[in-house]
Structure formats: C-alpha cells, structure tokens
Amino acid sequence: MKRYISIKENKDFKRLYFRGKSFVDPCFVMYVAKGKKGKTRIGITAGKKIGCAVCRNRAKRLIRAAFSSLANRITPGYDFIFVARIRMLEKKSYTIAEGMEKHLRAAGVWCEIPSD
C-alpha cells in the first residue's frame, strides 16, 4: 500500500518552493513543509536539463523508488517536493535513498521506529 499521496496542483508546488525548507544533494533538491492535511504528500519534477523524456521518467522513477523504501520511517503530515538533477541518472536507487535519508534526518521528519 502507498504511504503517500501525489502532489499535482501548481499552487501546492509554488507553496513548497517559496515557504518550504530546501535541502540540496548532488542528485536532487528536496523541499519540505508542514502539510495542511495529516498525510504525507510528495511531488516530483524533472526539467528538460535532465534530458529526453525517457531520462526524465527514469529520474522520477528513481526518486519514487527511494522515497517508497523510506516512507514508513517518515513522520506523517509533511509535504515534499523533489527536483531531479542530471547526476541522478548515474546513481542507483539505494544510493539516492541514502542521500534522501540524510536530508530527511536534517529536516527533522525522520522516525527511528518505523510505523506500520
């Protein structure tokens, strides 16, 4: 079962870009803000700098896979936006998950005990 909801509306993306806290990794940029709803929501973007549509879709899949592996350790009620960077295409999902975990800890949304 998915532990998060996708963010699709432009106003939600803009809110996170301007009011969220950003964390920069060589593979992605993560924006985090407290959500209005009590559920975890995630938005993923990959610009044309990443490359062709196949490359952009692969970058989004890598982010989604890394986030899914960590979703049960994240405190509910936060919104996340991940912006893919070109270096992401060289990495595997487990290395992206390691960087993601580091930034989730820094953001203060990481739980040591996984939720069910």
PDB file of N, CA and C in Angstrom:
ATOM      1  N   MET A   1       0.832  -1.177   0.000  1.00  0.00           N
ATOM      2  CA  MET A   1       0.000   0.000   0.000  1.00  0.00           C
ATOM      3  C   MET A   1       0.883   1.250   0.000  1.00  0.00           C
ATOM      4  N   LYS A   2       0.501   2.259  -0.798  1.00  0.00           N
ATOM      5  CA  LYS A   2       1.234   3.511  -0.839  1.00  0.00           C
ATOM      6  C   LYS A   2       1.063   4.265   0.466  1.00  0.00           C
ATOM      7  N   ARG A   3       2.145   4.809   0.970  1.00  0.00           N
ATOM      8  CA  ARG A   3       2.115   5.552   2.228  1.00  0.00           C
ATOM      9  C   ARG A   3       2.131   7.056   1.993  1.00  0.00           C
ATOM     10  N   TYR A   4       1.906   7.457   0.756  1.00  0.00           N
ATOM     11  CA  TYR A   4       1.923   8.881   0.447  1.00  0.00           C
ATOM     12  C   TYR A   4       0.939   9.182  -0.680  1.00  0.00           C
ATOM     13  N   ILE A   5       0.632  10.481  -0.821  1.00  0.00           N
ATOM     14  CA  ILE A   5      -0.268  10.967  -1.861  1.00  0.00           C
ATOM     15  C   ILE A   5       0.559  11.850  -2.791  1.00  0.00           C
ATOM     16  N   SER A   6       0.262  11.825  -4.084  1.00  0.00           N
ATOM     17  CA  SER A   6       0.993  12.652  -5.042  1.00  0.00           C
ATOM     18  C   SER A   6       0.468  14.083  -5.035  1.00  0.00           C
ATOM     19  N   ILE A   7       1.384  15.032  -5.122  1.00  0.00           N
ATOM     20  CA  ILE A   7       1.019  16.441  -5.278  1.00  0.00           C
ATOM     21  C   ILE A   7       0.964  16.713  -6.771  1.00  0.00           C
ATOM     22  N   LYS A   8      -0.156  17.267  -7.228  1.00  0.00           N
ATOM     23  CA  LYS A   8      -0.313  17.502  -8.657  1.00  0.00           C
ATOM     24  C   LYS A   8      -0.646  18.945  -9.001  1.00  0.00           C
ATOM     25  N   GLU A   9      -1.106  19.715  -8.030  1.00  0.00           N
ATOM     26  CA  GLU A   9      -1.546  21.076  -8.330  1.00  0.00           C
ATOM     27  C   GLU A   9      -0.392  22.071  -8.242  1.00  0.00           C
ATOM     28  N   ASN A  10      -0.392  23.007  -9.187  1.00  0.00           N
ATOM     29  CA  ASN A  10       0.668  24.000  -9.279  1.00  0.00           C
ATOM     30  C   ASN A  10       0.753  24.865  -8.024  1.00  0.00           C
ATOM     31  N   LYS A  11      -0.389  25.193  -7.424  1.00  0.00           N
ATOM     32  CA  LYS A  11      -0.372  26.046  -6.223  1.00  0.00           C
ATOM     33  C   LYS A  11       0.351  25.360  -5.067  1.00  0.00           C
ATOM     34  N   ASP A  12       0.236  24.037  -4.972  1.00  0.00           N
ATOM     35  CA  ASP A  12       0.943  23.298  -3.923  1.00  0.00           C
ATOM     36  C   ASP A  12       2.456  23.303  -4.166  1.00  0.00           C
ATOM     37  N   PHE A  13       2.857  23.165  -5.440  1.00  0.00           N
ATOM     38  CA  PHE A  13       4.278  23.229  -5.770  1.00  0.00           C
ATOM     39  C   PHE A  13       4.834  24.610  -5.422  1.00  0.00           C
ATOM     40  N   LYS A  14       4.118  25.659  -5.797  1.00  0.00           N
ATOM     41  CA  LYS A  14       4.581  27.024  -5.520  1.00  0.00           C
ATOM     42  C   LYS A  14       4.684  27.280  -4.024  1.00  0.00           C
ATOM     43  N   ARG A  15       3.717  26.784  -3.260  1.00  0.00           N
ATOM     44  CA  ARG A  15       3.738  26.970  -1.808  1.00  0.00           C
ATOM     45  C   ARG A  15       5.002  26.349  -1.214  1.00  0.00           C
ATOM     46  N   LEU A  16       5.346  25.156  -1.664  1.00  0.00           N
ATOM     47  CA  LEU A  16       6.544  24.499  -1.136  1.00  0.00           C
ATOM     48  C   LEU A  16       7.823  25.177  -1.601  1.00  0.00           C
ATOM     49  N   TYR A  17       7.856  25.648  -2.852  1.00  0.00           N
ATOM     50  CA  TYR A  17       9.051  26.328  -3.341  1.00  0.00           C
ATOM     51  C   TYR A  17       9.343  27.586  -2.531  1.00  0.00           C
ATOM     52  N   PHE A  18       8.296  28.337  -2.174  1.00  0.00           N
ATOM     53  CA  PHE A  18       8.504  29.621  -1.505  1.00  0.00           C
ATOM     54  C   PHE A  18       8.508  29.522   0.017  1.00  0.00           C
ATOM     55  N   ARG A  19       7.752  28.611   0.592  1.00  0.00           N
ATOM     56  CA  ARG A  19       7.653  28.531   2.049  1.00  0.00           C
ATOM     57  C   ARG A  19       8.374  27.332   2.647  1.00  0.00           C
ATOM     58  N   GLY A  20       8.744  26.384   1.809  1.00  0.00           N
ATOM     59  CA  GLY A  20       9.387  25.177   2.324  1.00  0.00           C
ATOM     60  C   GLY A  20      10.874  25.374   2.564  1.00  0.00           C
ATOM     61  N   LYS A  21      11.420  24.496   3.368  1.00  0.00           N
ATOM     62  CA  LYS A  21      12.862  24.488   3.634  1.00  0.00           C
ATOM     63  C   LYS A  21      13.505  23.601   2.578  1.00  0.00           C
ATOM     64  N   SER A  22      14.618  24.049   2.003  1.00  0.00           N
ATOM     65  CA  SER A  22      15.254  23.273   0.939  1.00  0.00           C
ATOM     66  C   SER A  22      16.525  22.590   1.439  1.00  0.00           C
ATOM     67  N   PHE A  23      16.762  21.414   0.895  1.00  0.00           N
ATOM     68  CA  PHE A  23      17.953  20.620   1.191  1.00  0.00           C
ATOM     69  C   PHE A  23      18.534  20.176  -0.143  1.00  0.00           C
ATOM     70  N   VAL A  24      19.824  20.449  -0.343  1.00  0.00           N
ATOM     71  CA  VAL A  24      20.449  20.208  -1.642  1.00  0.00           C
ATOM     72  C   VAL A  24      21.366  18.995  -1.568  1.00  0.00           C
ATOM     73  N   ASP A  25      21.206  18.116  -2.546  1.00  0.00           N
ATOM     74  CA  ASP A  25      22.017  16.918  -2.707  1.00  0.00           C
ATOM     75  C   ASP A  25      22.569  16.958  -4.136  1.00  0.00           C
ATOM     76  N   PRO A  26      23.675  16.287  -4.431  1.00  0.00           N
ATOM     77  CA  PRO A  26      24.157  16.274  -5.815  1.00  0.00           C
ATOM     78  C   PRO A  26      23.151  15.679  -6.807  1.00  0.00           C
ATOM     79  N   CYS A  27      22.251  14.817  -6.330  1.00  0.00           N
ATOM     80  CA  CYS A  27      21.295  14.148  -7.218  1.00  0.00           C
ATOM     81  C   CYS A  27      19.918  14.799  -7.255  1.00  0.00           C
ATOM     82  N   PHE A  28      19.563  15.546  -6.226  1.00  0.00           N
ATOM     83  CA  PHE A  28      18.226  16.139  -6.163  1.00  0.00           C
ATOM     84  C   PHE A  28      18.213  17.319  -5.201  1.00  0.00           C
ATOM     85  N   VAL A  29      17.140  18.100  -5.282  1.00  0.00           N
ATOM     86  CA  VAL A  29      16.863  19.152  -4.306  1.00  0.00           C
ATOM     87  C   VAL A  29      15.545  18.772  -3.652  1.00  0.00           C
ATOM     88  N   MET A  30      15.503  18.822  -2.322  1.00  0.00           N
ATOM     89  CA  MET A  30      14.295  18.445  -1.585  1.00  0.00           C
ATOM     90  C   MET A  30      13.735  19.675  -0.881  1.00  0.00           C
ATOM     91  N   TYR A  31      12.439  19.919  -1.068  1.00  0.00           N
ATOM     92  CA  TYR A  31      11.725  20.974  -0.360  1.00  0.00           C
ATOM     93  C   TYR A  31      10.754  20.311   0.606  1.00  0.00           C
ATOM     94  N   VAL A  32      10.726  20.795   1.855  1.00  0.00           N
ATOM     95  CA  VAL A  32       9.866  20.208   2.888  1.00  0.00           C
ATOM     96  C   VAL A  32       9.091  21.321   3.573  1.00  0.00           C
ATOM     97  N   ALA A  33       7.808  21.069   3.814  1.00  0.00           N
ATOM     98  CA  ALA A  33       6.977  21.990   4.599  1.00  0.00           C
ATOM     99  C   ALA A  33       5.892  21.185   5.288  1.00  0.00           C
ATOM    100  N   LYS A  34       5.421  21.698   6.399  1.00  0.00           N
ATOM    101  CA  LYS A  34       4.312  21.062   7.118  1.00  0.00           C
ATOM    102  C   LYS A  34       3.084  21.128   6.222  1.00  0.00           C
ATOM    103  N   GLY A  35       2.393  20.007   6.080  1.00  0.00           N
ATOM    104  CA  GLY A  35       1.221  19.951   5.222  1.00  0.00           C
ATOM    105  C   GLY A  35      -0.045  20.378   5.927  1.00  0.00           C
ATOM    106  N   LYS A  36      -1.046  20.717   5.140  1.00  0.00           N
ATOM    107  CA  LYS A  36      -2.337  21.106   5.699  1.00  0.00           C
ATOM    108  C   LYS A  36      -3.139  19.882   6.115  1.00  0.00           C
ATOM    109  N   LYS A  37      -2.896  18.794   5.435  1.00  0.00           N
ATOM    110  CA  LYS A  37      -3.588  17.549   5.758  1.00  0.00           C
ATOM    111  C   LYS A  37      -2.657  16.699   6.606  1.00  0.00           C
ATOM    112  N   GLY A  38      -3.177  15.680   7.236  1.00  0.00           N
ATOM    113  CA  GLY A  38      -2.365  14.843   8.112  1.00  0.00           C
ATOM    114  C   GLY A  38      -1.633  13.726   7.408  1.00  0.00           C
ATOM    115  N   LYS A  39      -1.531  13.786   6.083  1.00  0.00           N
ATOM    116  CA  LYS A  39      -0.885  12.717   5.329  1.00  0.00           C
ATOM    117  C   LYS A  39       0.382  13.223   4.660  1.00  0.00           C
ATOM    118  N   THR A  40       1.253  12.293   4.334  1.00  0.00           N
ATOM    119  CA  THR A  40       2.476  12.619   3.612  1.00  0.00           C
ATOM    120  C   THR A  40       2.141  12.779   2.138  1.00  0.00           C
ATOM    121  N   ARG A  41       2.602  13.896   1.556  1.00  0.00           N
ATOM    122  CA  ARG A  41       2.379  14.129   0.131  1.00  0.00           C
ATOM    123  C   ARG A  41       3.723  14.386  -0.539  1.00  0.00           C
ATOM    124  N   ILE A  42       3.853  13.923  -1.779  1.00  0.00           N
ATOM    125  CA  ILE A  42       5.121  14.039  -2.496  1.00  0.00           C
ATOM    126  C   ILE A  42       4.868  14.510  -3.924  1.00  0.00           C
ATOM    127  N   GLY A  43       5.711  15.431  -4.369  1.00  0.00           N
ATOM    128  CA  GLY A  43       5.698  15.892  -5.752  1.00  0.00           C
ATOM    129  C   GLY A  43       7.095  15.726  -6.325  1.00  0.00           C
ATOM    130  N   ILE A  44       7.177  15.318  -7.581  1.00  0.00           N
ATOM    131  CA  ILE A  44       8.473  15.071  -8.217  1.00  0.00           C
ATOM    132  C   ILE A  44       8.517  15.835  -9.532  1.00  0.00           C
ATOM    133  N   THR A  45       9.611  16.572  -9.755  1.00  0.00           N
ATOM    134  CA  THR A  45       9.790  17.271 -11.022  1.00  0.00           C
ATOM    135  C   THR A  45      11.152  16.922 -11.605  1.00  0.00           C
ATOM    136  N   ALA A  46      11.198  16.893 -12.917  1.00  0.00           N
ATOM    137  CA  ALA A  46      12.447  16.676 -13.644  1.00  0.00           C
ATOM    138  C   ALA A  46      12.393  17.573 -14.875  1.00  0.00           C
ATOM    139  N   GLY A  47      13.230  18.590 -14.901  1.00  0.00           N
ATOM    140  CA  GLY A  47      13.230  19.544 -16.004  1.00  0.00           C
ATOM    141  C   GLY A  47      13.904  18.990 -17.243  1.00  0.00           C
ATOM    142  N   LYS A  48      13.861  19.781 -18.307  1.00  0.00           N
ATOM    143  CA  LYS A  48      14.441  19.344 -19.570  1.00  0.00           C
ATOM    144  C   LYS A  48      15.964  19.292 -19.539  1.00  0.00           C
ATOM    145  N   LYS A  49      16.583  19.891 -18.522  1.00  0.00           N
ATOM    146  CA  LYS A  49      18.040  19.785 -18.381  1.00  0.00           C
ATOM    147  C   LYS A  49      18.467  18.339 -18.154  1.00  0.00           C
ATOM    148  N   ILE A  50      17.567  17.537 -17.604  1.00  0.00           N
ATOM    149  CA  ILE A  50      17.861  16.124 -17.338  1.00  0.00           C
ATOM    150  C   ILE A  50      18.091  15.376 -18.647  1.00  0.00           C
ATOM    151  N   GLY A  51      17.345  15.721 -19.672  1.00  0.00           N
ATOM    152  CA  GLY A  51      17.499  15.051 -20.958  1.00  0.00           C
ATOM    153  C   GLY A  51      16.158  14.750 -21.593  1.00  0.00           C
ATOM    154  N   CYS A  52      16.132  13.695 -22.388  1.00  0.00           N
ATOM    155  CA  CYS A  52      14.916  13.322 -23.107  1.00  0.00           C
ATOM    156  C   CYS A  52      13.864  12.783 -22.135  1.00  0.00           C
ATOM    157  N   ALA A  53      12.680  12.523 -22.650  1.00  0.00           N
ATOM    158  CA  ALA A  53      11.568  12.066 -21.809  1.00  0.00           C
ATOM    159  C   ALA A  53      11.897  10.761 -21.093  1.00  0.00           C
ATOM    160  N   VAL A  54      12.622   9.880 -21.750  1.00  0.00           N
ATOM    161  CA  VAL A  54      12.995   8.606 -21.131  1.00  0.00           C
ATOM    162  C   VAL A  54      13.871   8.854 -19.904  1.00  0.00           C
ATOM    163  N   CYS A  55      14.824   9.775 -20.022  1.00  0.00           N
ATOM    164  CA  CYS A  55      15.717  10.102 -18.896  1.00  0.00           C
ATOM    165  C   CYS A  55      14.952  10.769 -17.766  1.00  0.00           C
ATOM    166  N   ARG A  56      14.044  11.685 -18.104  1.00  0.00           N
ATOM    167  CA  ARG A  56      13.254  12.363 -17.068  1.00  0.00           C
ATOM    168  C   ARG A  56      12.370  11.369 -16.330  1.00  0.00           C
ATOM    169  N   ASN A  57      11.758  10.456 -17.050  1.00  0.00           N
ATOM    170  CA  ASN A  57      10.906   9.449 -16.410  1.00  0.00           C
ATOM    171  C   ASN A  57      11.724   8.506 -15.533  1.00  0.00           C
ATOM    172  N   ARG A  58      12.929   8.164 -15.960  1.00  0.00           N
ATOM    173  CA  ARG A  58      13.793   7.310 -15.142  1.00  0.00           C
ATOM    174  C   ARG A  58      14.180   8.024 -13.852  1.00  0.00           C
ATOM    175  N   ALA A  59      14.490   9.311 -13.948  1.00  0.00           N
ATOM    176  CA  ALA A  59      14.837  10.088 -12.753  1.00  0.00           C
ATOM    177  C   ALA A  59      13.665  10.111 -11.775  1.00  0.00           C
ATOM    178  N   LYS A  60      12.463  10.287 -12.285  1.00  0.00           N
ATOM    179  CA  LYS A  60      11.274  10.295 -11.414  1.00  0.00           C
ATOM    180  C   LYS A  60      11.051   8.927 -10.780  1.00  0.00           C
ATOM    181  N   ARG A  61      11.270   7.863 -11.551  1.00  0.00           N
ATOM    182  CA  ARG A  61      11.118   6.508 -11.002  1.00  0.00           C
ATOM    183  C   ARG A  61      12.132   6.244  -9.898  1.00  0.00           C
ATOM    184  N   LEU A  62      13.363   6.711 -10.082  1.00  0.00           N
ATOM    185  CA  LEU A  62      14.396   6.526  -9.060  1.00  0.00           C
ATOM    186  C   LEU A  62      14.022   7.240  -7.765  1.00  0.00           C
ATOM    187  N   ILE A  63      13.523   8.461  -7.873  1.00  0.00           N
ATOM    188  CA  ILE A  63      13.108   9.209  -6.681  1.00  0.00           C
ATOM    189  C   ILE A  63      11.948   8.499  -6.003  1.00  0.00           C
ATOM    190  N   ARG A  64      10.967   8.071  -6.792  1.00  0.00           N
ATOM    191  CA  ARG A  64       9.798   7.387  -6.236  1.00  0.00           C
ATOM    192  C   ARG A  64      10.201   6.100  -5.523  1.00  0.00           C
ATOM    193  N   ALA A  65      11.121   5.330  -6.118  1.00  0.00           N
ATOM    194  CA  ALA A  65      11.571   4.074  -5.508  1.00  0.00           C
ATOM    195  C   ALA A  65      12.320   4.336  -4.204  1.00  0.00           C
ATOM    196  N   ALA A  66      13.185   5.340  -4.199  1.00  0.00           N
ATOM    197  CA  ALA A  66      13.934   5.665  -2.980  1.00  0.00           C
ATOM    198  C   ALA A  66      12.991   6.143  -1.886  1.00  0.00           C
ATOM    199  N   PHE A  67      12.029   6.994  -2.233  1.00  0.00           N
ATOM    200  CA  PHE A  67      11.089   7.513  -1.233  1.00  0.00           C
ATOM    201  C   PHE A  67      10.200   6.391  -0.700  1.00  0.00           C
ATOM    202  N   SER A  68       9.763   5.497  -1.563  1.00  0.00           N
ATOM    203  CA  SER A  68       8.905   4.385  -1.131  1.00  0.00           C
ATOM    204  C   SER A  68       9.617   3.483  -0.134  1.00  0.00           C
ATOM    205  N   SER A  69      10.922   3.297  -0.328  1.00  0.00           N
ATOM    206  CA  SER A  69      11.664   2.442   0.601  1.00  0.00           C
ATOM    207  C   SER A  69      11.811   3.086   1.978  1.00  0.00           C
ATOM    208  N   LEU A  70      11.673   4.408   2.053  1.00  0.00           N
ATOM    209  CA  LEU A  70      11.829   5.125   3.322  1.00  0.00           C
ATOM    210  C   LEU A  70      10.510   5.633   3.899  1.00  0.00           C
ATOM    211  N   ALA A  71       9.408   5.443   3.195  1.00  0.00           N
ATOM    212  CA  ALA A  71       8.136   6.085   3.551  1.00  0.00           C
ATOM    213  C   ALA A  71       7.626   5.705   4.933  1.00  0.00           C
ATOM    214  N   ASN A  72       7.879   4.481   5.390  1.00  0.00           N
ATOM    215  CA  ASN A  72       7.361   4.082   6.708  1.00  0.00           C
ATOM    216  C   ASN A  72       8.173   4.679   7.857  1.00  0.00           C
ATOM    217  N   ARG A  73       9.279   5.355   7.571  1.00  0.00           N
ATOM    218  CA  ARG A  73      10.106   5.984   8.612  1.00  0.00           C
ATOM    219  C   ARG A  73       9.910   7.502   8.662  1.00  0.00           C
ATOM    220  N   ILE A  74       8.979   8.031   7.874  1.00  0.00           N
ATOM    221  CA  ILE A  74       8.771   9.478   7.800  1.00  0.00           C
ATOM    222  C   ILE A  74       7.562   9.866   8.637  1.00  0.00           C
ATOM    223  N   THR A  75       7.704  10.937   9.410  1.00  0.00           N
ATOM    224  CA  THR A  75       6.598  11.452  10.214  1.00  0.00           C
ATOM    225  C   THR A  75       5.490  11.934   9.284  1.00  0.00           C
ATOM    226  N   PRO A  76       4.243  11.464   9.474  1.00  0.00           N
ATOM    227  CA  PRO A  76       3.148  11.893   8.596  1.00  0.00           C
ATOM    228  C   PRO A  76       2.820  13.373   8.784  1.00  0.00           C
ATOM    229  N   GLY A  77       2.234  13.967   7.749  1.00  0.00           N
ATOM    230  CA  GLY A  77       1.779  15.346   7.837  1.00  0.00           C
ATOM    231  C   GLY A  77       2.702  16.349   7.167  1.00  0.00           C
ATOM    232  N   TYR A  78       3.660  15.887   6.395  1.00  0.00           N
ATOM    233  CA  TYR A  78       4.578  16.787   5.702  1.00  0.00           C
ATOM    234  C   TYR A  78       4.418  16.648   4.197  1.00  0.00           C
ATOM    235  N   ASP A  79       4.699  17.751   3.496  1.00  0.00           N
ATOM    236  CA  ASP A  79       4.707  17.760   2.036  1.00  0.00           C
ATOM    237  C   ASP A  79       6.155  17.832   1.564  1.00  0.00           C
ATOM    238  N   PHE A  80       6.452  17.087   0.512  1.00  0.00           N
ATOM    239  CA  PHE A  80       7.803  17.050  -0.046  1.00  0.00           C
ATOM    240  C   PHE A  80       7.748  17.317  -1.537  1.00  0.00           C
ATOM    241  N   ILE A  81       8.744  18.035  -2.030  1.00  0.00           N
ATOM    242  CA  ILE A  81       8.948  18.161  -3.471  1.00  0.00           C
ATOM    243  C   ILE A  81      10.395  17.782  -3.734  1.00  0.00           C
ATOM    244  N   PHE A  82      10.593  16.934  -4.712  1.00  0.00           N
ATOM    245  CA  PHE A  82      11.930  16.539  -5.128  1.00  0.00           C
ATOM    246  C   PHE A  82      12.146  17.019  -6.555  1.00  0.00           C
ATOM    247  N   VAL A  83      13.235  17.751  -6.758  1.00  0.00           N
ATOM    248  CA  VAL A  83      13.611  18.226  -8.086  1.00  0.00           C
ATOM    249  C   VAL A  83      14.840  17.431  -8.506  1.00  0.00           C
ATOM    250  N   ALA A  84      14.698  16.681  -9.582  1.00  0.00           N
ATOM    251  CA  ALA A  84      15.789  15.818 -10.046  1.00  0.00           C
ATOM    252  C   ALA A  84      16.906  16.655 -10.661  1.00  0.00           C
ATOM    253  N   ARG A  85      18.135  16.183 -10.472  1.00  0.00           N
ATOM    254  CA  ARG A  85      19.300  16.788 -11.098  1.00  0.00           C
ATOM    255  C   ARG A  85      19.926  15.769 -12.038  1.00  0.00           C
ATOM    256  N   ILE A  86      20.750  16.253 -12.948  1.00  0.00           N
ATOM    257  CA  ILE A  86      21.281  15.395 -14.003  1.00  0.00           C
ATOM    258  C   ILE A  86      22.152  14.259 -13.462  1.00  0.00           C
ATOM    259  N   ARG A  87      22.809  14.455 -12.328  1.00  0.00           N
ATOM    260  CA  ARG A  87      23.657  13.399 -11.753  1.00  0.00           C
ATOM    261  C   ARG A  87      22.855  12.191 -11.290  1.00  0.00           C
ATOM    262  N   MET A  88      21.566  12.356 -11.141  1.00  0.00           N
ATOM    263  CA  MET A  88      20.715  11.263 -10.674  1.00  0.00           C
ATOM    264  C   MET A  88      20.771  10.069 -11.623  1.00  0.00           C
ATOM    265  N   LEU A  89      20.937  10.326 -12.895  1.00  0.00           N
ATOM    266  CA  LEU A  89      20.905   9.248 -13.887  1.00  0.00           C
ATOM    267  C   LEU A  89      22.086   8.289 -13.746  1.00  0.00           C
ATOM    268  N   GLU A  90      23.143   8.723 -13.053  1.00  0.00           N
ATOM    269  CA  GLU A  90      24.317   7.868 -12.861  1.00  0.00           C
ATOM    270  C   GLU A  90      24.183   6.971 -11.632  1.00  0.00           C
ATOM    271  N   LYS A  91      23.200   7.213 -10.795  1.00  0.00           N
ATOM    272  CA  LYS A  91      23.096   6.545  -9.490  1.00  0.00           C
ATOM    273  C   LYS A  91      22.044   5.442  -9.485  1.00  0.00           C
ATOM    274  N   LYS A  92      22.141   4.595  -8.484  1.00  0.00           N
ATOM    275  CA  LYS A  92      21.140   3.562  -8.222  1.00  0.00           C
ATOM    276  C   LYS A  92      20.182   4.080  -7.161  1.00  0.00           C
ATOM    277  N   SER A  93      19.015   3.446  -7.048  1.00  0.00           N
ATOM    278  CA  SER A  93      18.001   3.951  -6.111  1.00  0.00           C
ATOM    279  C   SER A  93      18.454   3.843  -4.656  1.00  0.00           C
ATOM    280  N   TYR A  94      19.280   2.836  -4.320  1.00  0.00           N
ATOM    281  CA  TYR A  94      19.708   2.711  -2.922  1.00  0.00           C
ATOM    282  C   TYR A  94      20.684   3.823  -2.535  1.00  0.00           C
ATOM    283  N   THR A  95      21.514   4.309  -3.463  1.00  0.00           N
ATOM    284  CA  THR A  95      22.394   5.434  -3.135  1.00  0.00           C
ATOM    285  C   THR A  95      21.598   6.730  -3.025  1.00  0.00           C
ATOM    286  N   ILE A  96      20.561   6.858  -3.826  1.00  0.00           N
ATOM    287  CA  ILE A  96      19.678   8.025  -3.724  1.00  0.00           C
ATOM    288  C   ILE A  96      18.933   7.976  -2.396  1.00  0.00           C
ATOM    289  N   ALA A  97      18.522   6.781  -1.975  1.00  0.00           N
ATOM    290  CA  ALA A  97      17.819   6.625  -0.695  1.00  0.00           C
ATOM    291  C   ALA A  97      18.720   7.007   0.478  1.00  0.00           C
ATOM    292  N   GLU A  98      20.012   6.710   0.385  1.00  0.00           N
ATOM    293  CA  GLU A  98      20.941   7.093   1.453  1.00  0.00           C
ATOM    294  C   GLU A  98      21.022   8.613   1.592  1.00  0.00           C
ATOM    295  N   GLY A  99      21.131   9.306   0.465  1.00  0.00           N
ATOM    296  CA  GLY A  99      21.157  10.769   0.498  1.00  0.00           C
ATOM    297  C   GLY A  99      19.839  11.342   0.980  1.00  0.00           C
ATOM    298  N   MET A 100      18.752  10.701   0.570  1.00  0.00           N
ATOM    299  CA  MET A 100      17.422  11.147   0.985  1.00  0.00           C
ATOM    300  C   MET A 100      17.257  10.991   2.495  1.00  0.00           C
ATOM    301  N   GLU A 101      17.722   9.871   3.035  1.00  0.00           N
ATOM    302  CA  GLU A 101      17.625   9.646   4.484  1.00  0.00           C
ATOM    303  C   GLU A 101      18.402  10.710   5.250  1.00  0.00           C
ATOM    304  N   LYS A 102      19.583  11.056   4.757  1.00  0.00           N
ATOM    305  CA  LYS A 102      20.405  12.080   5.404  1.00  0.00           C
ATOM    306  C   LYS A 102      19.649  13.414   5.470  1.00  0.00           C
ATOM    307  N   HIS A 103      19.013  13.787   4.385  1.00  0.00           N
ATOM    308  CA  HIS A 103      18.294  15.065   4.351  1.00  0.00           C
ATOM    309  C   HIS A 103      16.978  15.005   5.124  1.00  0.00           C
ATOM    310  N   LEU A 104      16.338  13.857   5.161  1.00  0.00           N
ATOM    311  CA  LEU A 104      15.120  13.713   5.965  1.00  0.00           C
ATOM    312  C   LEU A 104      15.446  13.838   7.452  1.00  0.00           C
ATOM    313  N   ARG A 105      16.586  13.298   7.861  1.00  0.00           N
ATOM    314  CA  ARG A 105      17.029  13.467   9.255  1.00  0.00           C
ATOM    315  C   ARG A 105      17.299  14.942   9.551  1.00  0.00           C
ATOM    316  N   ALA A 106      17.967  15.616   8.626  1.00  0.00           N
ATOM    317  CA  ALA A 106      18.281  17.037   8.816  1.00  0.00           C
ATOM    318  C   ALA A 106      17.010  17.887   8.878  1.00  0.00           C
ATOM    319  N   ALA A 107      15.976  17.465   8.153  1.00  0.00           N
ATOM    320  CA  ALA A 107      14.711  18.201   8.152  1.00  0.00           C
ATOM    321  C   ALA A 107      13.897  17.946   9.411  1.00  0.00           C
ATOM    322  N   GLY A 108      14.247  16.901  10.156  1.00  0.00           N
ATOM    323  CA  GLY A 108      13.534  16.591  11.392  1.00  0.00           C
ATOM    324  C   GLY A 108      12.252  15.815  11.190  1.00  0.00           C
ATOM    325  N   VAL A 109      12.127  15.121  10.077  1.00  0.00           N
ATOM    326  CA  VAL A 109      10.913  14.342   9.802  1.00  0.00           C
ATOM    327  C   VAL A 109      11.174  12.838   9.850  1.00  0.00           C
ATOM    328  N   TRP A 110      12.355  12.445  10.255  1.00  0.00           N
ATOM    329  CA  TRP A 110      12.737  11.030  10.292  1.00  0.00           C
ATOM    330  C   TRP A 110      12.353  10.422  11.635  1.00  0.00           C
ATOM    331  N   CYS A 111      11.710   9.248  11.618  1.00  0.00           N
ATOM    332  CA  CYS A 111      11.374   8.497  12.837  1.00  0.00           C
ATOM    333  C   CYS A 111      12.323   7.308  12.930  1.00  0.00           C
ATOM    334  N   GLU A 112      12.878   7.089  14.084  1.00  0.00           N
ATOM    335  CA  GLU A 112      13.771   5.945  14.269  1.00  0.00           C
ATOM    336  C   GLU A 112      12.998   4.630  14.272  1.00  0.00           C
ATOM    337  N   ILE A 113      11.762   4.669  14.748  1.00  0.00           N
ATOM    338  CA  ILE A 113      10.926   3.468  14.796  1.00  0.00           C
ATOM    339  C   ILE A 113       9.956   3.521  13.625  1.00  0.00           C
ATOM    340  N   PRO A 114       9.995   2.526  12.717  1.00  0.00           N
ATOM    341  CA  PRO A 114       9.092   2.560  11.566  1.00  0.00           C
ATOM    342  C   PRO A 114       7.633   2.409  11.981  1.00  0.00           C
ATOM    343  N   SER A 115       6.764   3.103  11.260  1.00  0.00           N
ATOM    344  CA  SER A 115       5.325   2.980  11.521  1.00  0.00           C
ATOM    345  C   SER A 115       4.741   1.913  10.609  1.00  0.00           C
ATOM    346  N   ASP A 116       3.651   1.316  11.043  1.00  0.00           N
ATOM    347  CA  ASP A 116       3.029   0.258  10.240  1.00  0.00           C
ATOM    348  C   ASP A 116       1.932   0.762   9.390  1.00  0.00           C
TER     349      ASP A 116
END
